Amino acid sequence: MNTMRAVRAHRRGGPEQLVHETAPRPGPGDTAVAVRAASITTGELAWDATWTDSSDGSGRERTPVIPAHELSGVVAEHGAGATAPALGAKVYGLTPFLRDGAAAEYVGAPAGTLVAQPARLDQRSTAAVPLAALTTWQELVDHAHLEPGQHVLVHSGAGSCAVQLAAALGAKVTATASARDTEFVAGLGAQNVIDYAGSRFEDHVADADVVFDTVGGDTQTRSRSLLRPGGVLVSIVAPPDLGVAQDHAAHAVFFVIEPDRDAPDSIQTPAAYEALEKEHRRGKAVIHVADG
């Protein structure tokens, strides 16, 4: 069959634009994956990359678009020249943002972005891994060059896997969180957890080697003075003010994650996006697409 069921949006907007309909299956060239679960990301429907073929919005519109770029599934067809992963293999991965996502029966993905599903995880759990894990790895290892014993401040510690990974890499971790999440974040490996609504985090942190910014705005601005000389502020939200960072003899980095192999239905999907917009959530929202 040349068609599939998919969640698509025909014009820019929020969850209200998403419809469940028949769409063309991915064309030849990429590896076709029969999707089992797809994970969605807060703010995804506001990104220029979701709607155009350029990250800054200057390219052509790609509507209708299929959202959700993290996936788990089964390899259904090989792309041109690809022989791995094997047909029928259970895989997961992160598809490029400048193309259709995985809220569909099938998704086309470069073979190099797919890896074998971990045996200890089910497909729904696996679909929540790629973006968070790759973002955190690239932030801590590739950009901040984190070393054992260094001090890391993670903002919004309940919303990413930065606390777990930093702790696993041997760092001392301080995290901000809501009051209801302080115990949860401590259980992830944070040695100190600060209720960001109940106190000013800068009154509790000094000489951090790394600040991981997932909030931006005033939180990012207030974090710069907490870095030791030579420390690194890495943001995945907005480019830091390099001049202010330099005033504190620190470094500032803004980056957009790159897919890296090495390191639904019409009610369910809009509801998941609405929940991410309206609720303070731990972790990810995952769409169940199919069994098997």
C-alpha atoms as a PDB file:
ATOM      1  CA  MET A   1       0.000   0.000   0.000  1.00  0.00           C
ATOM      2  CA  ASN A   2       1.153   3.539  -0.772  1.00  0.00           C
ATOM      3  CA  THR A   3      -0.846   5.199   2.001  1.00  0.00           C
ATOM      4  CA  MET A   4      -0.913   5.130   5.795  1.00  0.00           C
ATOM      5  CA  ARG A   5      -2.722   6.738   8.690  1.00  0.00           C
ATOM      6  CA  ALA A   6      -0.947   9.755  10.173  1.00  0.00           C
ATOM      7  CA  VAL A   7      -1.424  12.813  12.357  1.00  0.00           C
ATOM      8  CA  ARG A   8      -0.813  15.929  10.273  1.00  0.00           C
ATOM      9  CA  ALA A   9      -1.218  19.703  10.390  1.00  0.00           C
ATOM     10  CA  HIS A  10      -2.061  21.617   7.213  1.00  0.00           C
ATOM     11  CA  ARG A  11      -1.358  25.065   8.639  1.00  0.00           C
ATOM     12  CA  ARG A  12       0.698  26.539  11.443  1.00  0.00           C
ATOM     13  CA  GLY A  13      -0.744  26.514  14.903  1.00  0.00           C
ATOM     14  CA  GLY A  14      -1.087  24.421  18.030  1.00  0.00           C
ATOM     15  CA  PRO A  15      -2.721  21.089  18.830  1.00  0.00           C
ATOM     16  CA  GLU A  16      -6.013  22.287  17.360  1.00  0.00           C
ATOM     17  CA  GLN A  17      -4.492  22.019  13.875  1.00  0.00           C
ATOM     18  CA  LEU A  18      -3.687  18.304  14.177  1.00  0.00           C
ATOM     19  CA  VAL A  19      -5.916  15.888  12.271  1.00  0.00           C
ATOM     20  CA  HIS A  20      -5.817  12.108  11.911  1.00  0.00           C
ATOM     21  CA  GLU A  21      -6.039  11.250   8.221  1.00  0.00           C
ATOM     22  CA  THR A  22      -4.746   9.196   5.328  1.00  0.00           C
ATOM     23  CA  ALA A  23      -1.330  10.306   4.054  1.00  0.00           C
ATOM     24  CA  PRO A  24       1.280   9.037   1.578  1.00  0.00           C
ATOM     25  CA  ARG A  25       3.744   6.516   2.943  1.00  0.00           C
ATOM     26  CA  PRO A  26       7.416   7.576   3.038  1.00  0.00           C
ATOM     27  CA  GLY A  27       9.036   7.432  -0.382  1.00  0.00           C
ATOM     28  CA  PRO A  28      12.075   5.407  -1.413  1.00  0.00           C
ATOM     29  CA  GLY A  29      15.537   6.423  -0.302  1.00  0.00           C
ATOM     30  CA  ASP A  30      15.158   6.192   3.460  1.00  0.00           C
ATOM     31  CA  THR A  31      14.705   3.216   5.721  1.00  0.00           C
ATOM     32  CA  ALA A  32      10.985   2.766   6.435  1.00  0.00           C
ATOM     33  CA  VAL A  33      10.124   2.034  10.060  1.00  0.00           C
ATOM     34  CA  ALA A  34       6.748   0.718  11.182  1.00  0.00           C
ATOM     35  CA  VAL A  35       6.173   2.991  14.162  1.00  0.00           C
ATOM     36  CA  ARG A  36       5.184   1.513  17.497  1.00  0.00           C
ATOM     37  CA  ALA A  37       5.505   4.631  19.658  1.00  0.00           C
ATOM     38  CA  ALA A  38       6.469   8.269  19.137  1.00  0.00           C
ATOM     39  CA  SER A  39       7.498  10.894  21.665  1.00  0.00           C
ATOM     40  CA  ILE A  40       6.620  14.584  21.458  1.00  0.00           C
ATOM     41  CA  THR A  41       8.485  17.604  22.750  1.00  0.00           C
ATOM     42  CA  THR A  42       7.315  20.742  24.517  1.00  0.00           C
ATOM     43  CA  GLY A  43       7.219  23.672  22.088  1.00  0.00           C
ATOM     44  CA  GLU A  44       7.658  21.513  18.992  1.00  0.00           C
ATOM     45  CA  LEU A  45       4.659  23.039  17.213  1.00  0.00           C
ATOM     46  CA  ALA A  46       6.171  26.522  17.619  1.00  0.00           C
ATOM     47  CA  TRP A  47       9.516  25.671  15.988  1.00  0.00           C
ATOM     48  CA  ASP A  48      10.240  27.001  12.504  1.00  0.00           C
ATOM     49  CA  ALA A  49      11.918  23.664  11.783  1.00  0.00           C
ATOM     50  CA  THR A  50       8.567  21.932  12.263  1.00  0.00           C
ATOM     51  CA  TRP A  51       6.968  23.887   9.432  1.00  0.00           C
ATOM     52  CA  THR A  52       9.725  24.753   6.959  1.00  0.00           C
ATOM     53  CA  ASP A  53      12.875  23.255   5.473  1.00  0.00           C
ATOM     54  CA  SER A  54      15.172  25.594   7.430  1.00  0.00           C
ATOM     55  CA  SER A  55      15.722  26.002  11.150  1.00  0.00           C
ATOM     56  CA  ASP A  56      15.429  29.804  11.004  1.00  0.00           C
ATOM     57  CA  GLY A  57      12.137  29.787   9.101  1.00  0.00           C
ATOM     58  CA  SER A  58      13.551  31.297   5.937  1.00  0.00           C
ATOM     59  CA  GLY A  59      12.925  28.200   3.819  1.00  0.00           C
ATOM     60  CA  ARG A  60       9.823  26.968   2.065  1.00  0.00           C
ATOM     61  CA  GLU A  61       6.774  25.756   3.964  1.00  0.00           C
ATOM     62  CA  ARG A  62       6.516  21.950   4.245  1.00  0.00           C
ATOM     63  CA  THR A  63       2.836  21.658   5.160  1.00  0.00           C
ATOM     64  CA  PRO A  64       1.146  19.336   5.676  1.00  0.00           C
ATOM     65  CA  VAL A  65       3.583  18.155   8.331  1.00  0.00           C
ATOM     66  CA  ILE A  66       3.739  15.147  10.635  1.00  0.00           C
ATOM     67  CA  PRO A  67       5.052  15.952  14.148  1.00  0.00           C
ATOM     68  CA  ALA A  68       6.921  13.898  16.793  1.00  0.00           C
ATOM     69  CA  HIS A  69      10.531  13.045  15.954  1.00  0.00           C
ATOM     70  CA  GLU A  70      11.459  10.441  18.564  1.00  0.00           C
ATOM     71  CA  LEU A  71      10.360   6.921  17.795  1.00  0.00           C
ATOM     72  CA  SER A  72      10.553   3.236  18.413  1.00  0.00           C
ATOM     73  CA  GLY A  73       9.462   0.700  15.831  1.00  0.00           C
ATOM     74  CA  VAL A  74      10.335  -2.153  13.494  1.00  0.00           C
ATOM     75  CA  VAL A  75      12.363  -1.881  10.274  1.00  0.00           C
ATOM     76  CA  ALA A  76       9.904  -2.502   7.433  1.00  0.00           C
ATOM     77  CA  GLU A  77      11.936  -1.620   4.322  1.00  0.00           C
ATOM     78  CA  HIS A  78      15.533  -0.753   3.602  1.00  0.00           C
ATOM     79  CA  GLY A  79      16.497   2.537   2.024  1.00  0.00           C
ATOM     80  CA  ALA A  80      18.714   2.783  -1.023  1.00  0.00           C
ATOM     81  CA  GLY A  81      22.029   1.035  -0.338  1.00  0.00           C
ATOM     82  CA  ALA A  82      21.165   0.252   3.275  1.00  0.00           C
ATOM     83  CA  THR A  83      21.430  -3.252   4.716  1.00  0.00           C
ATOM     84  CA  ALA A  84      21.281  -2.435   8.412  1.00  0.00           C
ATOM     85  CA  PRO A  85      19.505  -2.451  10.734  1.00  0.00           C
ATOM     86  CA  ALA A  86      18.049  -5.783   9.582  1.00  0.00           C
ATOM     87  CA  LEU A  87      14.490  -6.085   8.343  1.00  0.00           C
ATOM     88  CA  GLY A  88      12.232  -6.811  11.305  1.00  0.00           C
ATOM     89  CA  ALA A  89      14.716  -5.391  13.814  1.00  0.00           C
ATOM     90  CA  LYS A  90      13.306  -3.394  16.723  1.00  0.00           C
ATOM     91  CA  VAL A  91      14.906   0.057  16.598  1.00  0.00           C
ATOM     92  CA  TYR A  92      14.661   3.550  17.990  1.00  0.00           C
ATOM     93  CA  GLY A  93      16.005   6.924  16.969  1.00  0.00           C
ATOM     94  CA  LEU A  94      15.575  10.628  16.371  1.00  0.00           C
ATOM     95  CA  THR A  95      14.510  11.732  12.892  1.00  0.00           C
ATOM     96  CA  PRO A  96      15.825  15.047  11.501  1.00  0.00           C
ATOM     97  CA  PHE A  97      13.677  18.004  12.521  1.00  0.00           C
ATOM     98  CA  LEU A  98      13.465  19.442   9.002  1.00  0.00           C
ATOM     99  CA  ARG A  99      11.305  16.574   7.791  1.00  0.00           C
ATOM    100  CA  ASP A 100       8.210  14.637   8.801  1.00  0.00           C
ATOM    101  CA  GLY A 101       8.109  13.012  12.193  1.00  0.00           C
ATOM    102  CA  ALA A 102       6.785   9.731  13.530  1.00  0.00           C
ATOM    103  CA  ALA A 103       3.158  10.360  14.510  1.00  0.00           C
ATOM    104  CA  ALA A 104       2.154   7.939  11.778  1.00  0.00           C
ATOM    105  CA  GLU A 105       2.059   4.254  10.903  1.00  0.00           C
ATOM    106  CA  TYR A 106       5.395   4.598   9.090  1.00  0.00           C
ATOM    107  CA  VAL A 107       8.288   7.039   9.116  1.00  0.00           C
ATOM    108  CA  GLY A 108      11.221   7.380   6.760  1.00  0.00           C
ATOM    109  CA  ALA A 109      14.560   7.792   8.510  1.00  0.00           C
ATOM    110  CA  PRO A 110      18.222   7.756   7.486  1.00  0.00           C
ATOM    111  CA  ALA A 111      19.571   4.351   8.494  1.00  0.00           C
ATOM    112  CA  GLY A 112      22.380   6.074  10.389  1.00  0.00           C
ATOM    113  CA  THR A 113      19.916   7.579  12.874  1.00  0.00           C
ATOM    114  CA  LEU A 114      18.510   4.195  13.954  1.00  0.00           C
ATOM    115  CA  VAL A 115      19.924   1.879  16.622  1.00  0.00           C
ATOM    116  CA  ALA A 116      18.789  -1.373  18.201  1.00  0.00           C
ATOM    117  CA  GLN A 117      16.141  -1.079  20.899  1.00  0.00           C
ATOM    118  CA  PRO A 118      17.575  -1.740  24.386  1.00  0.00           C
ATOM    119  CA  ALA A 119      16.458  -5.169  25.566  1.00  0.00           C
ATOM    120  CA  ARG A 120      15.533  -3.880  29.038  1.00  0.00           C
ATOM    121  CA  LEU A 121      13.098  -1.244  27.759  1.00  0.00           C
ATOM    122  CA  ASP A 122       9.674  -1.634  26.180  1.00  0.00           C
ATOM    123  CA  GLN A 123       8.854   0.280  23.016  1.00  0.00           C
ATOM    124  CA  ARG A 124       6.951   3.077  24.724  1.00  0.00           C
ATOM    125  CA  SER A 125       9.798   3.757  27.148  1.00  0.00           C
ATOM    126  CA  THR A 126      12.358   3.547  24.352  1.00  0.00           C
ATOM    127  CA  ALA A 127      10.549   6.224  22.320  1.00  0.00           C
ATOM    128  CA  ALA A 128      11.137   8.719  25.141  1.00  0.00           C
ATOM    129  CA  VAL A 129      14.914   8.250  25.128  1.00  0.00           C
ATOM    130  CA  PRO A 130      16.518   9.739  21.963  1.00  0.00           C
ATOM    131  CA  LEU A 131      16.044  13.504  22.289  1.00  0.00           C
ATOM    132  CA  ALA A 132      16.635  13.744  26.023  1.00  0.00           C
ATOM    133  CA  ALA A 133      19.623  11.420  25.990  1.00  0.00           C
ATOM    134  CA  LEU A 134      21.298  12.956  22.945  1.00  0.00           C
ATOM    135  CA  THR A 135      20.687  16.514  24.153  1.00  0.00           C
ATOM    136  CA  THR A 136      22.182  15.786  27.535  1.00  0.00           C
ATOM    137  CA  TRP A 137      25.155  13.861  26.177  1.00  0.00           C
ATOM    138  CA  GLN A 138      26.017  16.561  23.644  1.00  0.00           C
ATOM    139  CA  GLU A 139      25.596  19.283  26.295  1.00  0.00           C
ATOM    140  CA  LEU A 140      27.676  17.662  29.011  1.00  0.00           C
ATOM    141  CA  VAL A 141      30.285  15.788  26.985  1.00  0.00           C
ATOM    142  CA  ASP A 142      30.658  17.481  23.594  1.00  0.00           C
ATOM    143  CA  HIS A 143      30.160  21.107  24.656  1.00  0.00           C
ATOM    144  CA  ALA A 144      30.919  21.338  28.393  1.00  0.00           C
ATOM    145  CA  HIS A 145      33.612  18.611  28.441  1.00  0.00           C
ATOM    146  CA  LEU A 146      32.405  17.568  31.887  1.00  0.00           C
ATOM    147  CA  GLU A 147      34.940  15.785  34.100  1.00  0.00           C
ATOM    148  CA  PRO A 148      34.456  13.738  37.272  1.00  0.00           C
ATOM    149  CA  GLY A 149      34.303  15.880  40.398  1.00  0.00           C
ATOM    150  CA  GLN A 150      33.074  19.020  38.658  1.00  0.00           C
ATOM    151  CA  HIS A 151      29.984  20.896  39.879  1.00  0.00           C
ATOM    152  CA  VAL A 152      26.951  21.051  37.566  1.00  0.00           C
ATOM    153  CA  LEU A 153      23.827  23.182  38.001  1.00  0.00           C
ATOM    154  CA  VAL A 154      20.870  21.697  36.117  1.00  0.00           C
ATOM    155  CA  HIS A 155      17.794  23.863  35.728  1.00  0.00           C
ATOM    156  CA  SER A 156      14.425  22.128  35.744  1.00  0.00           C
ATOM    157  CA  GLY A 157      15.946  18.836  36.840  1.00  0.00           C
ATOM    158  CA  ALA A 158      12.708  16.871  36.597  1.00  0.00           C
ATOM    159  CA  GLY A 159      12.316  17.579  32.891  1.00  0.00           C
ATOM    160  CA  SER A 160      15.466  16.019  31.429  1.00  0.00           C
ATOM    161  CA  CYS A 161      17.964  13.239  32.070  1.00  0.00           C
ATOM    162  CA  ALA A 162      20.791  15.703  32.771  1.00  0.00           C
ATOM    163  CA  VAL A 163      20.799  14.947  36.500  1.00  0.00           C
ATOM    164  CA  GLN A 164      21.186  11.190  35.961  1.00  0.00           C
ATOM    165  CA  LEU A 165      23.868  11.506  33.301  1.00  0.00           C
ATOM    166  CA  ALA A 166      25.893  14.148  35.137  1.00  0.00           C
ATOM    167  CA  ALA A 167      25.834  12.017  38.283  1.00  0.00           C
ATOM    168  CA  ALA A 168      26.815   8.931  36.284  1.00  0.00           C
ATOM    169  CA  LEU A 169      29.772  10.879  34.867  1.00  0.00           C
ATOM    170  CA  GLY A 170      30.971  11.543  38.404  1.00  0.00           C
ATOM    171  CA  ALA A 171      29.875  15.168  38.798  1.00  0.00           C
ATOM    172  CA  LYS A 172      28.462  16.875  41.857  1.00  0.00           C
ATOM    173  CA  VAL A 173      24.933  17.857  40.806  1.00  0.00           C
ATOM    174  CA  THR A 174      22.771  20.718  42.021  1.00  0.00           C
ATOM    175  CA  ALA A 175      19.337  21.002  40.399  1.00  0.00           C
ATOM    176  CA  THR A 176      16.375  23.337  40.517  1.00  0.00           C
ATOM    177  CA  ALA A 177      12.865  21.881  40.651  1.00  0.00           C
ATOM    178  CA  SER A 178       9.371  22.593  41.879  1.00  0.00           C
ATOM    179  CA  ALA A 179       8.598  21.743  45.490  1.00  0.00           C
ATOM    180  CA  ARG A 180       6.635  18.661  44.471  1.00  0.00           C
ATOM    181  CA  ASP A 181       9.599  17.329  42.470  1.00  0.00           C
ATOM    182  CA  THR A 182      12.447  17.865  44.947  1.00  0.00           C
ATOM    183  CA  GLU A 183      12.391  14.303  46.311  1.00  0.00           C
ATOM    184  CA  PHE A 184      12.067  12.862  42.805  1.00  0.00           C
ATOM    185  CA  VAL A 185      15.059  14.854  41.514  1.00  0.00           C
ATOM    186  CA  ALA A 186      17.151  13.916  44.535  1.00  0.00           C
ATOM    187  CA  GLY A 187      16.414  10.303  43.701  1.00  0.00           C
ATOM    188  CA  LEU A 188      17.820  10.862  40.222  1.00  0.00           C
ATOM    189  CA  GLY A 189      21.211  11.705  41.697  1.00  0.00           C
ATOM    190  CA  ALA A 190      21.172  15.403  42.621  1.00  0.00           C
ATOM    191  CA  GLN A 191      23.089  16.069  45.817  1.00  0.00           C
ATOM    192  CA  ASN A 192      21.306  19.397  46.294  1.00  0.00           C
ATOM    193  CA  VAL A 193      17.813  20.292  45.041  1.00  0.00           C
ATOM    194  CA  ILE A 194      16.556  23.877  45.156  1.00  0.00           C
ATOM    195  CA  ASP A 195      12.856  24.746  45.116  1.00  0.00           C
ATOM    196  CA  TYR A 196      12.988  27.496  42.487  1.00  0.00           C
ATOM    197  CA  ALA A 197       9.677  28.994  43.598  1.00  0.00           C
ATOM    198  CA  GLY A 198      10.572  29.070  47.273  1.00  0.00           C
ATOM    199  CA  SER A 199      14.052  30.563  47.116  1.00  0.00           C
ATOM    200  CA  ARG A 200      16.581  32.185  44.814  1.00  0.00           C
ATOM    201  CA  PHE A 201      18.866  29.526  43.400  1.00  0.00           C
ATOM    202  CA  GLU A 202      21.779  31.972  43.245  1.00  0.00           C
ATOM    203  CA  ASP A 203      21.707  32.147  47.048  1.00  0.00           C
ATOM    204  CA  HIS A 204      22.613  28.452  47.160  1.00  0.00           C
ATOM    205  CA  VAL A 205      25.082  27.972  44.281  1.00  0.00           C
ATOM    206  CA  ALA A 206      28.547  29.339  43.569  1.00  0.00           C
ATOM    207  CA  ASP A 207      31.554  28.390  41.462  1.00  0.00           C
ATOM    208  CA  ALA A 208      29.703  25.984  39.189  1.00  0.00           C
ATOM    209  CA  ASP A 209      31.766  24.384  36.451  1.00  0.00           C
ATOM    210  CA  VAL A 210      28.737  23.891  34.196  1.00  0.00           C
ATOM    211  CA  VAL A 211      25.227  25.344  34.039  1.00  0.00           C
ATOM    212  CA  PHE A 212      22.721  23.437  31.906  1.00  0.00           C
ATOM    213  CA  ASP A 213      20.005  25.939  30.900  1.00  0.00           C
ATOM    214  CA  THR A 214      16.643  24.562  29.766  1.00  0.00           C
ATOM    215  CA  VAL A 215      14.644  27.633  30.808  1.00  0.00           C
ATOM    216  CA  GLY A 216      16.233  30.747  29.306  1.00  0.00           C
ATOM    217  CA  GLY A 217      15.183  34.320  30.054  1.00  0.00           C
ATOM    218  CA  ASP A 218      15.765  35.613  33.564  1.00  0.00           C
ATOM    219  CA  THR A 219      16.904  32.190  34.765  1.00  0.00           C
ATOM    220  CA  GLN A 220      19.695  32.165  32.214  1.00  0.00           C
ATOM    221  CA  THR A 221      20.721  35.740  33.060  1.00  0.00           C
ATOM    222  CA  ARG A 222      20.856  35.047  36.798  1.00  0.00           C
ATOM    223  CA  SER A 223      22.892  31.892  36.234  1.00  0.00           C
ATOM    224  CA  ARG A 224      25.910  33.522  34.601  1.00  0.00           C
ATOM    225  CA  SER A 225      27.403  34.926  37.791  1.00  0.00           C
ATOM    226  CA  LEU A 226      27.352  31.456  39.360  1.00  0.00           C
ATOM    227  CA  LEU A 227      30.021  30.079  37.032  1.00  0.00           C
ATOM    228  CA  ARG A 228      33.615  29.805  38.168  1.00  0.00           C
ATOM    229  CA  PRO A 229      36.228  31.430  35.889  1.00  0.00           C
ATOM    230  CA  GLY A 230      36.481  29.190  32.865  1.00  0.00           C
ATOM    231  CA  GLY A 231      33.078  27.602  33.531  1.00  0.00           C
ATOM    232  CA  VAL A 232      30.563  26.845  30.789  1.00  0.00           C
ATOM    233  CA  LEU A 233      26.908  27.832  30.403  1.00  0.00           C
ATOM    234  CA  VAL A 234      25.179  25.654  27.816  1.00  0.00           C
ATOM    235  CA  SER A 235      21.673  26.576  26.698  1.00  0.00           C
ATOM    236  CA  ILE A 236      19.250  24.644  24.515  1.00  0.00           C
ATOM    237  CA  VAL A 237      16.695  27.466  24.738  1.00  0.00           C
ATOM    238  CA  ALA A 238      18.272  30.704  23.518  1.00  0.00           C
ATOM    239  CA  PRO A 239      21.751  32.006  22.676  1.00  0.00           C
ATOM    240  CA  PRO A 240      23.403  33.379  25.841  1.00  0.00           C
ATOM    241  CA  ASP A 241      24.759  36.917  25.925  1.00  0.00           C
ATOM    242  CA  LEU A 242      28.410  36.247  25.148  1.00  0.00           C
ATOM    243  CA  GLY A 243      29.490  39.634  26.478  1.00  0.00           C
ATOM    244  CA  VAL A 244      28.001  39.006  29.899  1.00  0.00           C
ATOM    245  CA  ALA A 245      29.545  35.540  30.024  1.00  0.00           C
ATOM    246  CA  GLN A 246      32.939  36.993  29.181  1.00  0.00           C
ATOM    247  CA  ASP A 247      32.556  39.538  31.968  1.00  0.00           C
ATOM    248  CA  HIS A 248      32.516  36.574  34.339  1.00  0.00           C
ATOM    249  CA  ALA A 249      35.480  34.914  32.583  1.00  0.00           C
ATOM    250  CA  ALA A 250      33.171  32.086  31.553  1.00  0.00           C
ATOM    251  CA  HIS A 251      32.080  30.503  28.286  1.00  0.00           C
ATOM    252  CA  ALA A 252      28.596  30.355  26.805  1.00  0.00           C
ATOM    253  CA  VAL A 253      27.256  27.921  24.217  1.00  0.00           C
ATOM    254  CA  PHE A 254      23.925  27.568  22.445  1.00  0.00           C
ATOM    255  CA  PHE A 255      23.298  24.492  20.374  1.00  0.00           C
ATOM    256  CA  VAL A 256      20.596  22.576  18.500  1.00  0.00           C
ATOM    257  CA  ILE A 257      20.774  18.829  18.847  1.00  0.00           C
ATOM    258  CA  GLU A 258      21.785  16.726  15.861  1.00  0.00           C
ATOM    259  CA  PRO A 259      20.547  13.164  15.299  1.00  0.00           C
ATOM    260  CA  ASP A 260      23.375  10.820  16.191  1.00  0.00           C
ATOM    261  CA  ARG A 261      23.394   7.047  15.864  1.00  0.00           C
ATOM    262  CA  ASP A 262      26.259   6.602  18.251  1.00  0.00           C
ATOM    263  CA  ALA A 263      25.572   8.270  21.352  1.00  0.00           C
ATOM    264  CA  PRO A 264      -2.124   7.644  17.104  1.00  0.00           C
ATOM    265  CA  ASP A 265      -5.130   8.640  16.842  1.00  0.00           C
ATOM    266  CA  SER A 266      -7.034  11.935  16.319  1.00  0.00           C
ATOM    267  CA  ILE A 267      -7.799  12.498  20.015  1.00  0.00           C
ATOM    268  CA  GLN A 268      -4.709  11.086  21.669  1.00  0.00           C
ATOM    269  CA  THR A 269      -2.075  13.153  19.859  1.00  0.00           C
ATOM    270  CA  PRO A 270      -3.633  16.656  20.196  1.00  0.00           C
ATOM    271  CA  ALA A 271      -4.363  15.864  23.850  1.00  0.00           C
ATOM    272  CA  ALA A 272      -0.738  14.978  24.446  1.00  0.00           C
ATOM    273  CA  TYR A 273       0.451  18.266  22.929  1.00  0.00           C
ATOM    274  CA  GLU A 274      -2.123  20.199  24.960  1.00  0.00           C
ATOM    275  CA  ALA A 275      -0.949  18.496  28.149  1.00  0.00           C
ATOM    276  CA  LEU A 276       2.630  19.544  27.473  1.00  0.00           C
ATOM    277  CA  GLU A 277       1.524  23.143  26.920  1.00  0.00           C
ATOM    278  CA  LYS A 278      -0.700  23.397  30.002  1.00  0.00           C
ATOM    279  CA  GLU A 279       0.759  21.098  32.626  1.00  0.00           C
ATOM    280  CA  HIS A 280       4.002  20.970  34.596  1.00  0.00           C
ATOM    281  CA  ARG A 281       5.131  17.463  33.724  1.00  0.00           C
ATOM    282  CA  ARG A 282       7.964  15.134  34.591  1.00  0.00           C
ATOM    283  CA  GLY A 283       9.712  13.559  31.644  1.00  0.00           C
ATOM    284  CA  LYS A 284       8.157  12.971  28.219  1.00  0.00           C
ATOM    285  CA  ALA A 285       4.743  12.400  26.644  1.00  0.00           C
ATOM    286  CA  VAL A 286       4.614   9.305  24.424  1.00  0.00           C
ATOM    287  CA  ILE A 287       2.044   8.444  21.748  1.00  0.00           C
ATOM    288  CA  HIS A 288       1.159   4.760  21.367  1.00  0.00           C
ATOM    289  CA  VAL A 289       0.879   4.058  17.630  1.00  0.00           C
ATOM    290  CA  ALA A 290       0.719   0.269  17.285  1.00  0.00           C
ATOM    291  CA  ASP A 291       1.414  -2.984  19.111  1.00  0.00           C
ATOM    292  CA  GLY A 292       4.071  -5.461  18.134  1.00  0.00           C
END
